[in-house]
Amino acid sequence: LNAFRFSYTLPHFSAIDRIEYATKLEGFDKDWSSWGKKTDKEYTNLGSGTYRFLVKARTNEQDISPAASLSFLINPPWYASTQAIVLYALLALSFLASLIFIPRRRFKKKLIKSKEAHQKVVARSEQEITALKNKNLETEIVHKNRELALTTMNLVQRNELILKLQEPLHKIMRKTTDKVAIQEIKRINSLLN
């Protein structure tokens, strides 16, 4: 709250009892005040800025003095000063930046966490797939080993059967003198071999 009181007298008039004054505060009043005997003027609620206080005096309607003036400056309150406005602007920019950067930083952290979680899931899935493939390969190897063992047993049994068949043929061939029969036995024996 800016309040000013101005006291004034203009000494070059001799009849002080009959002196009247009119005032005007440039930048606040639009017109001169009405003439009166009061030698002071009070202003309240003046905003910041430059003002010029003017006063003139008269002893009668024709004898009016030139206006005397006093210029003064009212600085804005500290909260409306340039430094305060700059500080407000910086605070507003900081607030706006926090509205942008804090959620962005949180989003990046969540994105990194989700990527890490995804990579863990992918790694776990790959391990499970590898384990299943290994299990499948082991099962396949066991199956192939069984097939191989069965095939080997069949071959062994065939060989034994062939050997069992060749022995009687050799005996018959030793006992027979018929050349056609011997020839036929040799052909069967070569087929068995």
Protein backbone atom coordinates (compact mmCIF):
# COMPACT_ATOMS: atom_id res chain seq x y z
CA LEU A 1 0.00 0.00 0.00
CA ASN A 2 1.65 3.20 -1.18
CA ALA A 3 0.44 6.33 0.59
CA PHE A 4 1.86 9.82 0.24
CA ARG A 5 1.09 13.07 1.97
CA PHE A 6 2.24 16.29 0.44
CA SER A 7 2.36 19.53 2.41
CA TYR A 8 2.82 22.70 0.45
CA THR A 9 2.80 26.46 0.78
CA LEU A 10 3.72 28.99 -1.81
CA PRO A 11 5.50 31.84 0.06
CA HIS A 12 5.43 34.62 -2.52
CA PHE A 13 1.81 35.58 -1.68
CA SER A 14 1.36 38.07 1.12
CA ALA A 15 -2.21 37.40 2.15
CA ILE A 16 -1.80 33.83 3.45
CA ASP A 17 -5.30 33.71 4.95
CA ARG A 18 -6.92 34.08 1.57
CA ILE A 19 -4.72 31.62 -0.35
CA GLU A 20 -6.41 28.66 -2.02
CA TYR A 21 -4.68 25.70 -3.58
CA ALA A 22 -5.39 23.28 -6.43
CA THR A 23 -3.43 20.07 -6.95
CA LYS A 24 -3.00 17.41 -9.56
CA LEU A 25 -1.01 14.19 -9.54
CA GLU A 26 -0.06 13.41 -13.16
CA GLY A 27 -0.37 9.69 -13.78
CA PHE A 28 -3.19 9.41 -11.21
CA ASP A 29 -5.59 12.38 -11.33
CA LYS A 30 -7.34 13.29 -14.55
CA ASP A 31 -8.11 16.92 -13.66
CA TRP A 32 -7.03 19.52 -11.15
CA SER A 33 -8.63 19.33 -7.75
CA SER A 34 -11.09 22.01 -6.71
CA TRP A 35 -9.63 25.08 -5.00
CA GLY A 36 -9.34 24.78 -1.25
CA LYS A 37 -7.46 26.08 1.81
CA LYS A 38 -5.96 22.69 2.75
CA THR A 39 -2.17 22.72 2.55
CA ASP A 40 -1.76 19.01 2.33
CA LYS A 41 -2.91 16.26 0.00
CA GLU A 42 -2.88 12.53 0.66
CA TYR A 43 -2.85 9.76 -1.95
CA THR A 44 -3.27 6.05 -1.24
CA ASN A 45 -3.10 2.94 -3.40
CA LEU A 46 -0.64 4.36 -5.87
CA GLY A 47 0.73 1.79 -8.28
CA SER A 48 4.35 1.57 -9.27
CA GLY A 49 5.51 4.12 -11.81
CA THR A 50 6.63 7.72 -12.27
CA TYR A 51 4.41 10.50 -10.96
CA ARG A 52 4.53 14.29 -11.00
CA PHE A 53 2.77 16.23 -8.25
CA LEU A 54 1.62 19.71 -9.31
CA VAL A 55 0.31 22.49 -7.06
CA LYS A 56 -0.81 26.02 -7.86
CA ALA A 57 -2.10 28.78 -5.61
CA ARG A 58 -4.39 31.79 -5.95
CA THR A 59 -5.39 34.73 -3.83
CA ASN A 60 -8.32 35.65 -6.00
CA GLU A 61 -9.72 34.45 -9.27
CA GLN A 62 -7.20 36.38 -11.41
CA ASP A 63 -3.99 36.07 -9.40
CA ILE A 64 -2.95 32.37 -9.98
CA SER A 65 0.65 31.26 -9.53
CA PRO A 66 2.44 29.01 -12.03
CA ALA A 67 2.32 25.32 -11.06
CA ALA A 68 5.13 24.01 -8.89
CA SER A 69 6.03 20.37 -9.47
CA LEU A 70 7.70 17.45 -7.76
CA SER A 71 8.49 14.25 -9.69
CA PHE A 72 8.94 10.93 -7.92
CA LEU A 73 9.15 7.24 -8.74
CA ILE A 74 7.39 4.42 -6.93
CA ASN A 75 9.23 1.16 -7.39
CA PRO A 76 7.18 -2.00 -7.73
CA PRO A 77 7.01 -4.24 -4.65
CA TRP A 78 9.71 -6.90 -4.42
CA TYR A 79 7.31 -9.60 -5.65
CA ALA A 80 6.62 -7.57 -8.84
CA SER A 81 10.24 -6.57 -9.49
CA THR A 82 12.12 -7.64 -12.60
CA GLN A 83 14.21 -10.11 -10.61
CA ALA A 84 11.07 -11.65 -9.11
CA ILE A 85 9.43 -11.93 -12.55
CA VAL A 86 12.56 -13.62 -13.90
CA LEU A 87 12.48 -15.97 -10.92
CA TYR A 88 8.78 -16.71 -11.55
CA ALA A 89 9.53 -17.43 -15.20
CA LEU A 90 12.39 -19.77 -14.22
CA LEU A 91 10.15 -21.54 -11.72
CA ALA A 92 7.39 -21.89 -14.33
CA LEU A 93 9.87 -23.25 -16.88
CA SER A 94 11.23 -25.67 -14.28
CA PHE A 95 7.71 -26.82 -13.49
CA LEU A 96 6.89 -27.30 -17.17
CA ALA A 97 10.17 -29.11 -17.71
CA SER A 98 9.38 -31.40 -14.79
CA LEU A 99 5.97 -32.12 -16.35
CA ILE A 100 7.77 -33.21 -19.50
CA PHE A 101 11.00 -34.80 -18.29
CA ILE A 102 9.87 -36.67 -15.18
CA PRO A 103 7.21 -38.72 -17.02
CA ARG A 104 9.65 -39.25 -19.88
CA ARG A 105 12.29 -40.54 -17.45
CA ARG A 106 9.69 -42.82 -15.79
CA PHE A 107 8.62 -44.08 -19.21
CA LYS A 108 12.24 -44.84 -20.14
CA LYS A 109 12.75 -46.72 -16.87
CA LYS A 110 9.57 -48.72 -17.43
CA LEU A 111 10.63 -49.40 -21.01
CA ILE A 112 14.05 -50.62 -19.87
CA LYS A 113 12.44 -52.82 -17.20
CA SER A 114 9.98 -54.26 -19.70
CA LYS A 115 12.82 -54.93 -22.17
CA GLU A 116 14.80 -56.68 -19.42
CA ALA A 117 11.74 -58.70 -18.42
CA HIS A 118 11.14 -59.57 -22.08
CA GLN A 119 14.76 -60.64 -22.49
CA LYS A 120 14.47 -62.83 -19.39
CA VAL A 121 11.30 -64.43 -20.74
CA VAL A 122 12.95 -64.97 -24.13
CA ALA A 123 16.06 -66.46 -22.49
CA ARG A 124 13.92 -68.73 -20.30
CA SER A 125 11.88 -69.80 -23.35
CA GLU A 126 15.05 -70.49 -25.32
CA GLN A 127 16.38 -72.61 -22.44
CA GLU A 128 13.11 -74.54 -22.28
CA ILE A 129 13.18 -75.04 -26.07
CA THR A 130 16.79 -76.24 -25.90
CA ALA A 131 15.92 -78.59 -23.02
CA LEU A 132 12.95 -79.97 -24.98
CA LYS A 133 15.11 -80.43 -28.10
CA ASN A 134 17.76 -82.22 -26.03
CA LYS A 135 15.11 -84.44 -24.45
CA ASN A 136 13.66 -85.15 -27.90
CA LEU A 137 17.13 -85.99 -29.23
CA GLU A 138 17.80 -88.30 -26.29
CA THR A 139 14.47 -90.04 -26.88
CA GLU A 140 15.30 -90.37 -30.57
CA ILE A 141 18.76 -91.78 -29.78
CA VAL A 142 17.20 -94.35 -27.43
CA HIS A 143 14.70 -95.30 -30.16
CA LYS A 144 17.44 -95.58 -32.81
CA ASN A 145 19.55 -97.68 -30.44
CA ARG A 146 16.60 -100.06 -29.97
CA GLU A 147 16.07 -100.27 -33.72
CA LEU A 148 19.78 -100.89 -34.23
CA ALA A 149 19.77 -103.56 -31.54
CA LEU A 150 16.74 -105.27 -33.15
CA THR A 151 18.31 -105.08 -36.59
CA THR A 152 21.56 -106.48 -35.24
CA MET A 153 19.67 -109.32 -33.53
CA ASN A 154 17.83 -110.09 -36.76
CA LEU A 155 21.12 -110.19 -38.68
CA VAL A 156 22.72 -112.39 -36.08
CA GLN A 157 19.71 -114.76 -36.21
CA ARG A 158 19.84 -114.84 -40.06
CA ASN A 159 23.54 -115.56 -40.02
CA GLU A 160 22.98 -118.37 -37.56
CA LEU A 161 20.14 -119.72 -39.71
CA ILE A 162 22.31 -119.53 -42.86
CA LEU A 163 25.14 -121.28 -41.07
CA LYS A 164 22.71 -123.95 -39.87
CA LEU A 165 21.48 -124.41 -43.44
CA GLN A 166 25.00 -124.59 -44.90
CA GLU A 167 26.11 -127.40 -42.61
CA PRO A 168 23.57 -129.96 -43.87
CA LEU A 169 24.29 -128.91 -47.43
CA HIS A 170 28.02 -129.55 -46.89
CA LYS A 171 27.21 -132.96 -45.45
CA ILE A 172 24.95 -133.81 -48.39
CA MET A 173 27.56 -132.62 -50.85
CA ARG A 174 30.20 -134.89 -49.28
CA LYS A 175 27.96 -137.89 -49.40
CA THR A 176 26.54 -137.38 -52.90
CA THR A 177 28.30 -138.38 -56.04
CA ASP A 178 25.73 -137.01 -58.43
CA LYS A 179 27.35 -134.15 -60.29
CA VAL A 180 24.10 -132.30 -61.05
CA ALA A 181 23.11 -132.44 -57.37
CA ILE A 182 26.58 -131.27 -56.31
CA GLN A 183 26.38 -128.43 -58.83
CA GLU A 184 22.94 -127.43 -57.49
CA ILE A 185 24.19 -127.60 -53.87
CA LYS A 186 27.19 -125.38 -54.73
CA ARG A 187 24.85 -122.84 -56.35
CA ILE A 188 22.60 -122.81 -53.25
CA ASN A 189 25.68 -122.55 -51.03
CA SER A 190 27.02 -119.56 -52.99
CA LEU A 191 23.60 -117.90 -52.69
CA LEU A 192 23.67 -118.48 -48.95
CA ASN A 193 27.19 -117.03 -48.74
